[in-house]
Amino acid sequence: MFLTRLKISNRVTSREDFPFTVFECESYLSEEEFSRVANEFPWQMILQSSDNEDYRFRIDEYGHRDLYREVLRTRPHLATFLRLVHSHFFIRDLLSTFKAPIVARFPPSARLKRLGLRLAPTWLFDLKVDLTVYVRGFHLTPHTDGVEKVVAILMYFEDPSGDTRDSTTHHAMGGTRFWRAKSKEREEAWRDRLTADRPLSQSKENVLSLALERRFDSSDSLSDQLSEFQRDFEQYRLGEARNNHLAGFVKSNNSWHSVDLTEYPENLLRGAIFINLNLPPVSLRRCAHNFLKQYGLQRFLDFRARRRKSIP
């Protein structure tokens, strides 16, 4: 029998909660389960889905709705995995497993915000999936992610047509890098620097989205900001891009991470299912949509989509 339920709590093989929560799951699925999902990973559909976005290709669950539904329709094992990820059971387990760091995104003085996160039902949270392929040249400089992010998870897929003779090096080069400040003073200095033009962000009760410049100069070298950052921060953990390896983190004001494929093998692709659990959306329509997805009523949503499409 193929997958019936997915959990995080019983699969975490490594977890670190300081300076922010990072976790990994080695061999998240059984060999047979992963093989079925990996055989259906839509490499070519992703590569053909859009123009090259800075060496990144993706099928966005919301931005490419029709294509995402086509994936669900034509790839039964991958579709089962994605629907289980969207389920009430998976999200409830995720929230329970990381309740303490999720609530800690707000300081103790923000009592109502912390209480709201503790009591919020799962269907208020918005879980979104991207199917992604990165190629050599992609570089996402250090950042902490958007304020709406709660938990981010990556499940990796190796290029089935690539050369795996030096796979250990490829795993490291394609992975997600996690950073921590060398001192509290340096961390606060960077926070002040990156929020200097946002006075409302200075309150300690606010969750921030911090990021370095994401640009190259005319000689294809990164701005001085990155070299300054690397003097004040150190890479302390790496989530390697290996088959069936799951890596994730809980968003906070210091959840610094990056991806650098500038020296990745030119003939290899790096695939991943990117799972984002986001804060409750304002839209009541979105909440209703989440409720239907989480409780297994995806067929109703698909029927409504087809009906809207058929109306002239």
Protein backbone atom coordinates (compact mmCIF):
# COMPACT_ATOMS: atom_id res chain seq x y z
CA MET A 1 0.00 0.00 0.00
CA PHE A 2 1.24 3.49 -0.87
CA LEU A 3 1.21 6.46 1.52
CA THR A 4 -1.86 7.04 3.64
CA ARG A 5 -0.55 9.64 6.12
CA LEU A 6 2.51 11.84 6.52
CA LYS A 7 4.10 13.13 9.72
CA ILE A 8 7.15 15.15 10.65
CA SER A 9 7.30 14.40 14.36
CA ASN A 10 8.35 10.75 13.99
CA ARG A 11 10.78 11.38 11.11
CA VAL A 12 13.04 14.17 12.43
CA THR A 13 16.57 12.77 12.73
CA SER A 14 18.35 16.03 13.53
CA ARG A 15 17.14 19.24 15.17
CA GLU A 16 18.85 22.36 16.46
CA ASP A 17 16.92 25.18 18.18
CA PHE A 18 19.61 27.85 18.51
CA PRO A 19 19.89 30.47 17.11
CA PHE A 20 16.73 29.32 15.32
CA THR A 21 15.07 25.97 14.73
CA VAL A 22 16.55 23.92 11.88
CA PHE A 23 15.57 20.29 11.35
CA GLU A 24 16.34 17.45 8.95
CA CYS A 25 14.82 14.09 8.10
CA GLU A 26 17.09 11.46 6.59
CA SER A 27 15.22 9.13 4.23
CA TYR A 28 11.88 10.80 4.87
CA LEU A 29 9.95 8.21 2.85
CA SER A 30 10.63 4.53 2.52
CA GLU A 31 12.76 3.53 -0.48
CA GLU A 32 9.72 2.22 -2.35
CA GLU A 33 7.59 5.27 -1.58
CA PHE A 34 10.30 7.71 -2.57
CA SER A 35 11.07 5.81 -5.76
CA ARG A 36 7.44 6.12 -6.86
CA VAL A 37 7.34 9.85 -6.10
CA ALA A 38 10.76 10.52 -7.66
CA ASN A 39 9.83 8.67 -10.87
CA GLU A 40 6.94 11.11 -11.28
CA PHE A 41 8.82 14.32 -10.41
CA PRO A 42 7.98 16.54 -13.44
CA TRP A 43 11.44 17.75 -14.48
CA GLN A 44 10.51 18.65 -18.03
CA MET A 45 7.16 20.21 -17.12
CA ILE A 46 8.93 22.48 -14.65
CA LEU A 47 11.66 23.45 -17.11
CA GLN A 48 9.02 24.30 -19.72
CA SER A 49 6.64 26.04 -17.30
CA SER A 50 8.20 29.50 -17.44
CA ASP A 51 11.14 31.53 -18.58
CA ASN A 52 14.40 31.16 -16.68
CA GLU A 53 13.96 33.23 -13.50
CA ASP A 54 17.59 33.80 -12.48
CA TYR A 55 18.48 30.15 -13.07
CA ARG A 56 15.32 28.92 -11.34
CA PHE A 57 12.30 27.16 -12.80
CA ARG A 58 9.15 26.28 -10.91
CA ILE A 59 5.52 25.28 -10.95
CA ASP A 60 3.84 27.52 -8.38
CA GLU A 61 0.70 26.02 -6.85
CA TYR A 62 -1.05 29.39 -7.04
CA GLY A 63 0.79 31.08 -9.90
CA HIS A 64 0.52 28.10 -12.29
CA ARG A 65 -2.80 26.61 -11.20
CA ASP A 66 -3.64 24.78 -14.40
CA LEU A 67 -0.17 23.26 -14.69
CA TYR A 68 -0.20 22.24 -11.03
CA ARG A 69 -3.58 20.53 -11.52
CA GLU A 70 -2.14 18.77 -14.57
CA VAL A 71 0.62 17.38 -12.33
CA LEU A 72 -2.00 16.12 -9.87
CA ARG A 73 -4.03 14.56 -12.68
CA THR A 74 -1.20 12.77 -14.50
CA ARG A 75 1.09 11.69 -11.64
CA PRO A 76 -0.90 9.66 -9.10
CA HIS A 77 1.85 8.90 -6.57
CA LEU A 78 3.20 12.45 -6.55
CA ALA A 79 -0.39 13.72 -6.30
CA THR A 80 -1.00 11.51 -3.26
CA PHE A 81 2.13 12.87 -1.59
CA LEU A 82 1.14 16.50 -2.28
CA ARG A 83 -2.41 15.99 -1.03
CA LEU A 84 -1.13 14.41 2.18
CA VAL A 85 1.19 17.39 2.70
CA HIS A 86 -1.87 19.66 2.46
CA SER A 87 -3.86 17.54 4.91
CA HIS A 88 -5.13 18.62 8.31
CA PHE A 89 -3.20 15.73 9.86
CA PHE A 90 0.19 16.83 8.43
CA ILE A 91 -0.27 20.52 9.30
CA ARG A 92 -1.48 19.74 12.82
CA ASP A 93 1.56 17.52 13.39
CA LEU A 94 3.88 20.21 12.00
CA LEU A 95 2.40 22.90 14.27
CA SER A 96 2.54 20.59 17.29
CA THR A 97 6.14 19.51 16.67
CA PHE A 98 7.42 23.09 16.42
CA LYS A 99 4.92 24.88 18.65
CA ALA A 100 7.52 26.44 20.96
CA PRO A 101 9.69 28.11 18.26
CA ILE A 102 6.61 29.12 16.25
CA VAL A 103 5.12 30.94 19.23
CA ALA A 104 8.54 32.38 20.11
CA ARG A 105 8.55 34.43 16.89
CA PHE A 106 6.84 36.99 19.12
CA PRO A 107 8.40 38.15 22.45
CA PRO A 108 6.68 37.30 25.78
CA SER A 109 5.26 40.84 25.90
CA ALA A 110 3.15 40.13 22.80
CA ARG A 111 0.76 37.91 24.75
CA LEU A 112 -2.23 38.15 22.42
CA LYS A 113 -0.18 37.31 19.33
CA ARG A 114 1.40 34.32 21.05
CA LEU A 115 -2.00 33.12 22.28
CA GLY A 116 -3.44 33.48 18.79
CA LEU A 117 -0.74 31.22 17.34
CA ARG A 118 -1.33 28.62 20.05
CA LEU A 119 -5.08 28.48 19.53
CA ALA A 120 -5.40 28.97 15.76
CA PRO A 121 -7.00 25.95 13.99
CA THR A 122 -5.01 24.35 11.17
CA TRP A 123 -7.34 25.55 8.42
CA LEU A 124 -6.42 29.15 9.18
CA PHE A 125 -2.86 28.41 8.06
CA ASP A 126 -2.00 28.51 4.38
CA LEU A 127 0.21 25.70 3.09
CA LYS A 128 1.65 26.30 -0.37
CA VAL A 129 3.78 24.06 -2.59
CA ASP A 130 6.25 24.92 -5.34
CA LEU A 131 7.84 22.28 -7.58
CA THR A 132 11.29 23.69 -8.37
CA VAL A 133 14.36 23.04 -10.49
CA TYR A 134 17.54 25.07 -9.99
CA VAL A 135 20.52 25.13 -12.35
CA ARG A 136 24.13 26.28 -12.14
CA GLY A 137 24.32 30.03 -11.55
CA PHE A 138 21.41 30.33 -9.11
CA HIS A 139 22.37 32.33 -6.03
CA LEU A 140 19.92 33.30 -3.31
CA THR A 141 21.88 35.51 -0.92
CA PRO A 142 21.33 35.30 2.88
CA HIS A 143 17.86 36.29 4.04
CA THR A 144 15.38 35.46 6.82
CA ASP A 145 12.25 34.98 4.61
CA GLY A 146 8.99 36.90 4.48
CA VAL A 147 7.01 37.89 7.57
CA GLU A 148 4.12 35.59 6.60
CA LYS A 149 6.33 32.47 6.68
CA VAL A 150 5.94 30.08 9.63
CA VAL A 151 7.79 26.92 8.56
CA ALA A 152 9.71 26.20 5.34
CA ILE A 153 10.54 22.66 4.17
CA LEU A 154 12.51 21.36 1.20
CA MET A 155 12.43 17.78 -0.05
CA TYR A 156 15.25 17.17 -2.52
CA PHE A 157 15.45 15.20 -5.77
CA GLU A 158 18.68 14.43 -7.62
CA ASP A 159 18.85 14.73 -11.39
CA PRO A 160 18.15 11.16 -12.65
CA SER A 161 20.09 11.79 -15.86
CA GLY A 162 23.13 13.39 -14.23
CA ASP A 163 26.64 12.15 -13.46
CA THR A 164 26.73 10.94 -9.84
CA ARG A 165 30.43 10.02 -9.60
CA ASP A 166 31.13 12.96 -7.28
CA SER A 167 27.71 13.01 -5.67
CA THR A 168 28.92 13.91 -2.16
CA THR A 169 30.28 17.23 -3.42
CA HIS A 170 27.13 17.88 -5.46
CA HIS A 171 24.92 17.27 -2.42
CA ALA A 172 26.77 19.92 -0.43
CA MET A 173 26.98 22.44 -3.28
CA GLY A 174 23.25 22.25 -3.96
CA GLY A 175 22.13 22.41 -0.35
CA THR A 176 20.64 25.10 1.86
CA ARG A 177 23.15 26.97 4.05
CA PHE A 178 22.21 28.23 7.49
CA TRP A 179 23.98 31.17 9.14
CA ARG A 180 24.40 32.57 12.66
CA ALA A 181 25.93 35.82 13.88
CA LYS A 182 29.34 35.67 15.53
CA SER A 183 28.01 37.87 18.31
CA LYS A 184 24.72 39.37 19.48
CA GLU A 185 26.08 42.84 18.81
CA ARG A 186 26.82 42.02 15.17
CA GLU A 187 23.36 40.52 14.70
CA GLU A 188 21.68 43.64 16.10
CA ALA A 189 23.90 45.89 13.99
CA TRP A 190 22.75 44.10 10.83
CA ARG A 191 19.12 44.31 11.90
CA ASP A 192 19.45 48.06 12.46
CA ARG A 193 21.25 48.48 9.14
CA LEU A 194 18.66 46.60 7.10
CA THR A 195 15.67 48.31 8.76
CA ALA A 196 17.10 51.84 8.81
CA ASP A 197 14.54 52.98 6.24
CA ARG A 198 11.68 51.18 8.01
CA PRO A 199 11.20 52.91 11.40
CA LEU A 200 8.07 50.87 12.13
CA SER A 201 10.23 47.73 12.04
CA GLN A 202 12.27 48.81 15.04
CA SER A 203 9.72 47.46 17.54
CA LYS A 204 10.88 44.20 19.08
CA GLU A 205 7.35 42.82 18.74
CA ASN A 206 7.53 42.89 14.96
CA VAL A 207 8.50 39.90 12.84
CA LEU A 208 10.92 41.12 10.19
CA SER A 209 11.87 40.16 6.66
CA LEU A 210 15.60 40.80 6.35
CA ALA A 211 17.63 40.21 3.22
CA LEU A 212 20.91 41.16 1.61
CA GLU A 213 21.06 42.71 -1.83
CA ARG A 214 20.30 40.07 -4.44
CA ARG A 215 22.27 41.44 -7.36
CA PHE A 216 25.53 41.06 -9.27
CA ASP A 217 27.71 43.88 -10.56
CA SER A 218 28.96 44.18 -14.14
CA SER A 219 31.76 41.67 -13.55
CA ASP A 220 29.36 39.07 -12.12
CA SER A 221 30.73 39.41 -8.59
CA LEU A 222 28.42 39.90 -5.66
CA SER A 223 28.09 43.26 -3.94
CA ASP A 224 30.34 44.11 -1.00
CA GLN A 225 27.38 43.51 1.30
CA LEU A 226 27.83 39.74 1.12
CA SER A 227 31.52 39.83 2.02
CA GLU A 228 30.68 42.10 4.97
CA PHE A 229 27.96 39.67 6.05
CA GLN A 230 30.39 36.74 5.91
CA ARG A 231 32.75 38.57 8.25
CA ASP A 232 30.00 38.97 10.85
CA PHE A 233 28.22 35.63 10.36
CA GLU A 234 29.31 32.02 10.02
CA GLN A 235 27.76 29.10 8.22
CA TYR A 236 27.00 26.58 10.95
CA ARG A 237 24.79 24.06 9.19
CA LEU A 238 24.10 22.68 5.71
CA GLY A 239 21.00 20.87 4.52
CA GLU A 240 22.38 18.69 1.72
CA ALA A 241 20.49 18.21 -1.53
CA ARG A 242 20.26 14.41 -1.45
CA ASN A 243 17.50 12.16 -2.68
CA ASN A 244 14.74 11.69 -0.10
CA HIS A 245 16.39 14.19 2.27
CA LEU A 246 14.11 16.72 3.90
CA ALA A 247 15.43 19.93 5.48
CA GLY A 248 13.48 22.77 7.05
CA PHE A 249 13.44 25.62 9.51
CA VAL A 250 11.07 27.77 11.56
CA LYS A 251 10.95 31.41 10.48
CA SER A 252 12.30 33.97 12.95
CA ASN A 253 14.07 37.33 12.88
CA ASN A 254 17.42 35.54 12.71
CA SER A 255 16.58 32.58 10.44
CA TRP A 256 19.37 33.45 8.00
CA HIS A 257 19.80 31.01 5.12
CA SER A 258 21.03 31.00 1.53
CA VAL A 259 21.49 28.84 -1.57
CA ASP A 260 24.53 29.13 -3.83
CA LEU A 261 24.74 27.12 -7.07
CA THR A 262 27.29 29.35 -8.79
CA GLU A 263 29.78 26.45 -8.85
CA TYR A 264 27.26 23.64 -9.24
CA PRO A 265 28.02 21.16 -12.08
CA GLU A 266 26.74 22.60 -15.34
CA ASN A 267 25.23 19.32 -16.49
CA LEU A 268 23.18 18.73 -13.31
CA LEU A 269 19.74 19.92 -12.21
CA ARG A 270 18.66 20.27 -8.58
CA GLY A 271 15.04 19.41 -7.95
CA ALA A 272 12.97 20.04 -4.84
CA ILE A 273 9.44 20.19 -3.51
CA PHE A 274 9.27 23.47 -1.59
CA ILE A 275 6.63 23.44 1.17
CA ASN A 276 5.73 26.70 2.91
CA LEU A 277 3.40 26.97 5.88
CA ASN A 278 2.31 30.59 6.12
CA LEU A 279 0.48 32.70 8.65
CA PRO A 280 -3.33 32.84 8.48
CA PRO A 281 -4.39 34.78 5.38
CA VAL A 282 -6.78 37.70 5.69
CA SER A 283 -9.10 36.38 2.99
CA LEU A 284 -12.09 34.35 4.21
CA ARG A 285 -12.20 32.75 0.77
CA ARG A 286 -8.61 31.51 1.22
CA CYS A 287 -9.49 30.11 4.67
CA ALA A 288 -12.43 28.21 3.16
CA HIS A 289 -10.16 26.94 0.39
CA ASN A 290 -7.61 25.74 2.98
CA PHE A 291 -10.33 23.97 4.96
CA LEU A 292 -11.48 22.03 1.89
CA LYS A 293 -7.91 21.04 0.95
CA GLN A 294 -6.94 19.93 4.45
CA TYR A 295 -9.99 17.74 4.90
CA GLY A 296 -9.60 15.88 1.61
CA LEU A 297 -12.14 17.74 -0.50
CA GLN A 298 -9.73 18.55 -3.34
CA ARG A 299 -12.09 16.95 -5.88
CA PHE A 300 -14.70 19.61 -5.06
CA LEU A 301 -12.11 22.35 -5.68
CA ASP A 302 -11.07 20.74 -8.97
CA PHE A 303 -14.73 20.49 -10.05
CA ARG A 304 -15.29 24.20 -9.31
CA ALA A 305 -12.16 25.11 -11.26
CA ARG A 306 -13.27 23.10 -14.30
CA ARG A 307 -16.75 24.62 -14.12
CA ARG A 308 -15.41 28.18 -14.01
CA LYS A 309 -13.14 27.41 -16.94
CA SER A 310 -16.03 26.08 -19.03
CA ILE A 311 -18.19 29.18 -18.51
CA PRO A 312 -17.74 31.48 -21.55
